[in-house]
Amino acid sequence: MRVVVTGATGNIGTSTLRELAGDPAVTAITGLARRRPGPGADQETDPGGTGKIEWAEADVTDSDLVPLLRGADVVVHLAWLFQPTHRPAVTWDANVVGSSRVFDAAAEAGVGALVYSSSVGAYSPGPKDRAVDESWPTHGWAGAAYSREKAYVERLLDAFEAGNPECRVVRIRPGFIFERQSASEQRRLFAGPLLPGRLVRPGGIPVVPDMPGLRMQFLHSADAGQAFRLAVTGGARGAFNIAADPVMDAAELADVLGARTVRVPQRGVRAALAAAWGLHLVPASPGLFDLAMEIPIMDTARARSELGWTPRHTAREAFSEFLEGLRTGAGRATPPLAPGTGGPARAREFATGIGRRP
């Protein structure tokens, strides 16, 4: 089985490659990325030394994708651009137009199966006191570009599925994905260069805001990779929610951080974030905060029963690993995950304007 993976050098991509490389059913893997990784990436993505992985430079927005996908049994589409949040036209082009080009190329290349990384962020606002299954509407949250884009790509995939019934389509909808080695990238994308790593030691953050709606689902990147591997090698179709237990609320977050909870008004936290984002002090937009408060809690029973997926890490373990990675500046030997991507003393992040452009 030959598999092509877009966005192969990112957080989910590197974990998916490791899982695929270790599966005997997979004989060849092509990792597509805008920037080819350095030599150290081979050990990270293929620790068993199988030699199954080859790399190709490609940008989903303008590269000729058909030759790269031709002959593939499965395409896994993971490529996604989170920044710049101040220029949503840029992310729309990369994420929506780019996904459309991947789907069109998969159809033209005659690919047998398409596995797409959707998100809990594609879901319409939903309950926090009970879990919803994959039938919950995927219209997103209009105030967040990320959610609008994920929801729109779900509609593109609906059209692809209707027009290509011979192609098996799988949509994986993960919660928030963490691991130790994703820390440098995620700090850059969401917190920005002003967050000192030493602050996230136990006791370094004294309080966690206790707000209505602060209930989220986390999982480890390795467990996300496992889900994508199972989607590739099995015969499953349709959508699958994936997340680990427990659901992380203010009390759980405070316990991991060694902090205490303080009841605060949601609008106050949002106003502070909006001000910081408007001043280019943080890259995460207030729309992402709104989205986190609105997304539903997902039921993962279908992934466990039909994919055979069982997370190997708890949500607390995934988050704790991430915090440890923040403290130590951890990453991987790929351009998106490398600790040095932000430049010496994070100078490149400041020079390009926080949240302004990639």
Protein backbone atom coordinates (compact mmCIF):
# COMPACT_ATOMS: atom_id res chain seq x y z
CA MET A 1 0.00 0.00 0.00
CA ARG A 2 1.36 3.42 -1.00
CA VAL A 3 0.27 6.41 1.09
CA VAL A 4 0.76 10.11 0.39
CA VAL A 5 0.59 12.49 3.38
CA THR A 6 0.20 16.26 2.98
CA GLY A 7 1.44 18.44 5.82
CA ALA A 8 3.79 15.61 6.73
CA THR A 9 6.25 17.69 8.76
CA GLY A 10 3.74 19.08 11.27
CA ASN A 11 2.56 17.91 14.67
CA ILE A 12 0.01 15.38 13.40
CA GLY A 13 2.02 14.62 10.26
CA THR A 14 5.18 13.39 11.99
CA SER A 15 3.16 11.18 14.33
CA THR A 16 1.16 9.77 11.41
CA LEU A 17 4.34 8.99 9.47
CA ARG A 18 5.80 7.10 12.44
CA GLU A 19 2.64 5.04 12.76
CA LEU A 20 2.44 4.31 9.03
CA ALA A 21 6.13 3.42 8.75
CA GLY A 22 5.70 0.79 11.47
CA ASP A 23 2.69 -0.86 9.81
CA PRO A 24 3.58 -3.85 7.59
CA ALA A 25 0.54 -3.17 5.39
CA VAL A 26 2.13 0.11 4.29
CA THR A 27 4.96 -0.36 1.80
CA ALA A 28 5.72 3.20 0.66
CA ILE A 29 5.02 6.68 2.04
CA THR A 30 5.45 10.04 0.34
CA GLY A 31 5.56 12.97 2.73
CA LEU A 32 4.57 16.28 1.13
CA ALA A 33 5.59 19.56 2.75
CA ARG A 34 6.35 23.12 1.70
CA ARG A 35 9.87 22.75 3.09
CA ARG A 36 11.83 19.53 2.94
CA PRO A 37 13.00 18.48 6.43
CA GLY A 38 16.63 18.06 7.40
CA PRO A 39 18.46 14.76 7.87
CA GLY A 40 17.36 14.34 11.47
CA ALA A 41 13.72 13.98 10.41
CA ASP A 42 14.31 10.43 9.18
CA GLN A 43 15.02 9.19 12.70
CA GLU A 44 11.98 11.05 14.02
CA THR A 45 9.48 9.84 11.42
CA ASP A 46 10.93 6.38 10.75
CA PRO A 47 12.61 5.28 13.97
CA GLY A 48 12.57 1.65 12.85
CA GLY A 49 14.70 2.47 9.81
CA THR A 50 12.24 0.91 7.36
CA GLY A 51 13.23 3.24 4.52
CA LYS A 52 9.60 3.54 3.45
CA ILE A 53 9.45 7.35 3.54
CA GLU A 54 10.41 9.68 0.70
CA TRP A 55 9.95 13.43 0.78
CA ALA A 56 8.67 15.86 -1.83
CA GLU A 57 8.37 19.63 -1.65
CA ALA A 58 4.87 20.79 -2.56
CA ASP A 59 2.55 23.65 -1.67
CA VAL A 60 -1.12 22.69 -1.82
CA THR A 61 -2.00 26.20 -3.04
CA ASP A 62 -0.03 26.12 -6.30
CA SER A 63 1.97 22.91 -6.88
CA ASP A 64 0.94 20.36 -9.50
CA LEU A 65 -0.38 17.71 -7.14
CA VAL A 66 -1.71 15.13 -9.59
CA PRO A 67 1.68 13.54 -10.44
CA LEU A 68 2.48 13.34 -6.73
CA LEU A 69 -0.79 11.57 -5.91
CA ARG A 70 -0.96 9.29 -8.93
CA GLY A 71 -0.45 5.67 -7.94
CA ALA A 72 -1.34 6.28 -4.29
CA ASP A 73 -3.75 3.91 -2.61
CA VAL A 74 -4.55 6.45 0.12
CA VAL A 75 -4.05 10.19 0.52
CA VAL A 76 -3.98 11.63 4.05
CA HIS A 77 -4.65 15.37 3.97
CA LEU A 78 -3.21 17.12 7.03
CA ALA A 79 -1.80 20.37 5.59
CA TRP A 80 -3.20 23.40 7.43
CA LEU A 81 -2.08 26.98 8.07
CA PHE A 82 -3.00 28.58 11.42
CA GLN A 83 -1.32 31.95 10.97
CA PRO A 84 -1.57 34.83 10.16
CA THR A 85 -4.80 35.38 12.10
CA HIS A 86 -4.72 39.06 11.11
CA ARG A 87 -4.91 38.10 7.42
CA PRO A 88 -7.70 35.53 7.05
CA ALA A 89 -7.51 35.67 3.25
CA VAL A 90 -4.08 34.01 3.50
CA THR A 91 -5.31 31.13 5.65
CA TRP A 92 -8.44 30.75 3.50
CA ASP A 93 -6.27 30.34 0.41
CA ALA A 94 -4.02 27.77 2.08
CA ASN A 95 -6.72 25.83 3.90
CA VAL A 96 -9.88 26.02 1.81
CA VAL A 97 -8.49 26.53 -1.69
CA GLY A 98 -5.57 24.23 -0.88
CA SER A 99 -7.89 21.47 0.36
CA SER A 100 -10.06 21.83 -2.74
CA ARG A 101 -6.96 21.37 -4.92
CA VAL A 102 -5.95 18.26 -2.96
CA PHE A 103 -9.43 16.75 -3.35
CA ASP A 104 -9.53 17.56 -7.08
CA ALA A 105 -6.07 16.05 -7.57
CA ALA A 106 -7.06 12.91 -5.65
CA ALA A 107 -10.07 12.46 -7.94
CA GLU A 108 -8.01 13.01 -11.09
CA ALA A 109 -5.27 10.65 -9.86
CA GLY A 110 -7.81 7.91 -9.12
CA VAL A 111 -6.87 7.58 -5.45
CA GLY A 112 -8.69 4.75 -3.68
CA ALA A 113 -9.18 6.43 -0.30
CA LEU A 114 -8.98 9.93 1.14
CA VAL A 115 -8.44 10.53 4.87
CA TYR A 116 -8.92 14.13 5.99
CA SER A 117 -8.02 15.81 9.27
CA SER A 118 -11.09 17.77 10.27
CA SER A 119 -11.48 19.05 13.84
CA VAL A 120 -13.74 19.53 16.82
CA GLY A 121 -13.61 23.13 15.58
CA ALA A 122 -15.79 22.18 12.60
CA TYR A 123 -18.73 21.52 14.89
CA SER A 124 -21.50 24.01 15.52
CA PRO A 125 -21.80 25.27 19.12
CA GLY A 126 -22.94 22.46 21.38
CA PRO A 127 -23.35 21.19 24.91
CA LYS A 128 -20.60 20.98 27.51
CA ASP A 129 -22.55 18.75 29.91
CA ARG A 130 -23.02 15.79 27.56
CA ALA A 131 -21.17 14.30 24.60
CA VAL A 132 -22.36 14.55 21.00
CA ASP A 133 -21.66 12.04 18.26
CA GLU A 134 -20.54 12.58 14.66
CA SER A 135 -24.07 13.53 13.52
CA TRP A 136 -23.81 16.91 15.30
CA PRO A 137 -23.93 19.75 12.71
CA THR A 138 -20.61 20.90 11.29
CA HIS A 139 -21.38 24.54 10.53
CA GLY A 140 -18.58 25.83 12.74
CA TRP A 141 -18.42 29.06 14.72
CA ALA A 142 -18.64 32.08 12.41
CA GLY A 143 -16.44 34.29 14.59
CA ALA A 144 -13.29 32.18 14.12
CA ALA A 145 -11.54 31.86 10.76
CA TYR A 146 -10.21 28.43 11.75
CA SER A 147 -13.73 27.15 12.42
CA ARG A 148 -15.19 28.72 9.26
CA GLU A 149 -12.49 27.09 7.19
CA LYS A 150 -12.86 23.65 8.81
CA ALA A 151 -16.64 23.79 8.32
CA TYR A 152 -16.32 24.89 4.68
CA VAL A 153 -13.87 22.09 3.91
CA GLU A 154 -16.41 19.63 5.35
CA ARG A 155 -18.82 20.90 2.65
CA LEU A 156 -16.12 20.49 0.00
CA LEU A 157 -15.66 16.92 1.18
CA ASP A 158 -19.42 16.33 0.98
CA ALA A 159 -19.26 17.33 -2.68
CA PHE A 160 -16.17 15.19 -3.29
CA GLU A 161 -17.85 12.18 -1.74
CA ALA A 162 -20.99 12.63 -3.83
CA GLY A 163 -18.98 12.97 -7.04
CA ASN A 164 -16.52 10.15 -6.30
CA PRO A 165 -18.49 7.30 -4.72
CA GLU A 166 -15.74 4.82 -5.58
CA CYS A 167 -13.32 6.63 -3.26
CA ARG A 168 -13.47 5.72 0.43
CA VAL A 169 -13.60 8.92 2.51
CA VAL A 170 -12.73 9.19 6.21
CA ARG A 171 -12.93 12.34 8.35
CA ILE A 172 -11.02 12.35 11.63
CA ARG A 173 -12.24 15.04 14.05
CA PRO A 174 -9.70 15.41 16.87
CA GLY A 175 -9.78 17.49 20.01
CA PHE A 176 -6.75 19.62 20.93
CA ILE A 177 -3.58 17.69 20.13
CA PHE A 178 -0.47 17.95 22.33
CA GLU A 179 2.87 16.26 22.90
CA ARG A 180 6.22 17.30 24.26
CA GLN A 181 7.75 17.85 20.81
CA SER A 182 4.91 20.09 19.60
CA ALA A 183 5.56 22.69 22.29
CA SER A 184 7.82 25.09 20.35
CA GLU A 185 5.49 25.23 17.36
CA GLN A 186 2.31 25.63 19.38
CA ARG A 187 3.88 28.29 21.58
CA ARG A 188 4.81 30.21 18.40
CA LEU A 189 1.38 29.81 16.80
CA PHE A 190 -0.85 30.60 19.77
CA ALA A 191 1.05 32.21 22.67
CA GLY A 192 3.75 34.09 20.77
CA PRO A 193 7.34 35.02 21.68
CA LEU A 194 6.48 36.84 24.91
CA LEU A 195 5.61 33.67 26.85
CA PRO A 196 8.62 32.60 28.97
CA GLY A 197 8.97 28.83 29.18
CA ARG A 198 9.88 28.93 32.86
CA LEU A 199 6.43 30.36 33.63
CA VAL A 200 4.74 27.02 32.97
CA ARG A 201 6.53 25.12 35.72
CA PRO A 202 4.32 23.81 38.55
CA GLY A 203 3.30 26.81 40.57
CA GLY A 204 4.54 29.28 37.94
CA ILE A 205 0.98 30.07 36.90
CA PRO A 206 -0.83 30.77 40.18
CA VAL A 207 -4.45 30.78 38.98
CA VAL A 208 -6.63 29.28 36.25
CA PRO A 209 -9.77 31.21 35.30
CA ASP A 210 -12.90 29.22 36.06
CA MET A 211 -15.38 30.21 33.35
CA PRO A 212 -18.61 28.71 32.02
CA GLY A 213 -17.72 26.79 28.88
CA LEU A 214 -14.11 26.03 29.85
CA ARG A 215 -14.35 22.30 29.14
CA MET A 216 -12.12 20.91 26.40
CA GLN A 217 -10.86 17.58 25.10
CA PHE A 218 -7.18 16.83 24.58
CA LEU A 219 -5.23 13.93 23.12
CA HIS A 220 -1.64 12.98 22.49
CA SER A 221 -0.19 13.43 19.00
CA ALA A 222 0.87 9.77 18.94
CA ASP A 223 -2.74 8.74 19.53
CA ALA A 224 -3.87 11.00 16.70
CA GLY A 225 -1.29 9.31 14.47
CA GLN A 226 -2.67 5.93 15.49
CA ALA A 227 -6.18 7.00 14.45
CA PHE A 228 -4.97 8.12 11.03
CA ARG A 229 -3.09 4.85 10.53
CA LEU A 230 -6.18 2.84 11.37
CA ALA A 231 -8.21 4.96 8.96
CA VAL A 232 -5.65 4.31 6.23
CA THR A 233 -5.25 0.57 6.65
CA GLY A 234 -8.81 -0.39 7.62
CA GLY A 235 -12.00 -0.22 5.62
CA ALA A 236 -13.75 2.46 7.67
CA ARG A 237 -15.75 5.26 6.09
CA GLY A 238 -17.29 8.41 7.50
CA ALA A 239 -16.48 10.66 10.44
CA PHE A 240 -14.77 9.76 13.71
CA ASN A 241 -14.34 11.85 16.85
CA ILE A 242 -11.08 11.25 18.72
CA ALA A 243 -10.17 12.54 22.17
CA ALA A 244 -8.79 11.14 25.42
CA ASP A 245 -10.23 11.18 28.93
CA PRO A 246 -10.70 13.09 31.13
CA VAL A 247 -12.44 16.17 29.79
CA MET A 248 -10.20 19.06 30.86
CA ASP A 249 -11.99 21.76 32.82
CA ALA A 250 -10.62 24.51 35.07
CA ALA A 251 -10.12 22.13 37.99
CA GLU A 252 -8.19 19.59 35.89
CA LEU A 253 -6.02 22.30 34.31
CA ALA A 254 -5.30 23.85 37.70
CA ASP A 255 -4.33 20.48 39.15
CA VAL A 256 -1.81 19.84 36.36
CA LEU A 257 -0.40 23.37 36.69
CA GLY A 258 -0.29 23.32 40.49
CA ALA A 259 -2.58 26.36 40.50
CA ARG A 260 -5.92 27.29 42.01
CA THR A 261 -9.12 28.20 40.21
CA VAL A 262 -10.65 31.67 40.37
CA ARG A 263 -14.11 32.45 39.08
CA VAL A 264 -13.84 35.25 36.51
CA PRO A 265 -16.24 36.66 33.91
CA GLN A 266 -15.70 35.23 30.45
CA ARG A 267 -16.09 38.63 28.80
CA GLY A 268 -13.22 40.02 30.89
CA VAL A 269 -10.80 37.33 29.74
CA ARG A 270 -11.94 37.79 26.15
CA ALA A 271 -11.50 41.56 26.32
CA ALA A 272 -7.93 41.16 27.59
CA LEU A 273 -7.11 38.68 24.83
CA ALA A 274 -8.72 40.88 22.17
CA ALA A 275 -6.63 43.84 23.33
CA ALA A 276 -3.42 41.79 23.28
CA TRP A 277 -4.22 40.41 19.82
CA GLY A 278 -5.09 43.85 18.48
CA LEU A 279 -1.73 45.14 19.70
CA HIS A 280 0.08 42.15 18.13
CA LEU A 281 1.25 40.90 21.52
CA VAL A 282 -0.21 37.42 21.00
CA PRO A 283 -0.98 35.59 17.73
CA ALA A 284 -4.12 33.77 18.94
CA SER A 285 -7.25 35.70 17.96
CA PRO A 286 -10.20 36.29 20.30
CA GLY A 287 -12.25 34.24 17.83
CA LEU A 288 -10.25 31.16 18.84
CA PHE A 289 -11.11 31.85 22.47
CA ASP A 290 -14.80 32.12 21.55
CA LEU A 291 -14.54 28.86 19.63
CA ALA A 292 -13.04 27.03 22.61
CA MET A 293 -15.94 28.22 24.76
CA GLU A 294 -18.55 27.11 22.19
CA ILE A 295 -17.40 23.73 20.85
CA PRO A 296 -19.25 20.68 22.13
CA ILE A 297 -17.88 17.73 24.06
CA MET A 298 -17.43 14.83 21.63
CA ASP A 299 -18.47 11.20 22.03
CA THR A 300 -15.59 8.97 20.85
CA ALA A 301 -17.45 5.64 20.97
CA ARG A 302 -17.54 5.22 17.19
CA ALA A 303 -13.76 5.55 16.82
CA ARG A 304 -13.25 2.98 19.56
CA SER A 305 -15.72 0.47 18.15
CA GLU A 306 -15.34 0.88 14.37
CA LEU A 307 -11.73 2.05 13.99
CA GLY A 308 -10.49 -0.04 16.90
CA TRP A 309 -8.85 3.10 18.29
CA THR A 310 -7.84 3.30 21.95
CA PRO A 311 -5.73 6.23 23.18
CA ARG A 312 -2.54 5.20 24.94
CA HIS A 313 -2.23 8.49 26.82
CA THR A 314 -4.69 10.34 29.02
CA ALA A 315 -5.59 13.96 28.32
CA ARG A 316 -3.66 14.95 31.46
CA GLU A 317 -0.56 13.11 30.26
CA ALA A 318 -0.70 14.79 26.86
CA PHE A 319 -1.04 18.25 28.43
CA SER A 320 1.66 17.57 31.02
CA GLU A 321 4.06 16.50 28.26
CA PHE A 322 3.30 19.69 26.37
CA LEU A 323 4.02 21.83 29.43
CA GLU A 324 7.32 20.03 29.97
CA GLY A 325 8.14 20.72 26.32
CA LEU A 326 7.43 24.42 26.83
CA ARG A 327 9.80 24.54 29.77
CA THR A 328 12.61 22.85 27.83
CA GLY A 329 11.95 24.33 24.36
CA ALA A 330 11.32 20.89 22.85
CA GLY A 331 10.63 20.24 19.17
CA ARG A 332 11.43 17.97 16.24
CA ALA A 333 13.83 18.12 13.29
CA THR A 334 11.26 19.47 10.83
CA PRO A 335 10.77 23.15 9.89
CA PRO A 336 7.39 23.63 11.61
CA LEU A 337 8.40 21.87 14.83
CA ALA A 338 12.05 22.89 15.17
CA PRO A 339 12.78 25.00 18.28
CA GLY A 340 15.01 27.32 16.23
CA THR A 341 12.34 28.26 13.69
CA GLY A 342 11.57 31.49 15.58
CA GLY A 343 15.22 32.59 15.31
CA PRO A 344 17.75 33.43 18.04
CA ALA A 345 15.94 34.84 21.09
CA ARG A 346 12.75 34.46 19.03
CA ALA A 347 13.89 37.43 16.94
CA ARG A 348 12.27 36.21 13.74
CA GLU A 349 8.88 36.09 15.45
CA PHE A 350 9.22 39.73 16.53
CA ALA A 351 10.65 40.86 13.19
CA THR A 352 7.81 39.42 11.13
CA GLY A 353 5.12 40.93 13.35
CA ILE A 354 3.32 38.70 15.85
CA GLY A 355 0.31 37.20 14.12
CA ARG A 356 0.80 39.31 10.98
CA ARG A 357 2.13 36.86 8.42
CA PRO A 358 3.57 33.30 8.26
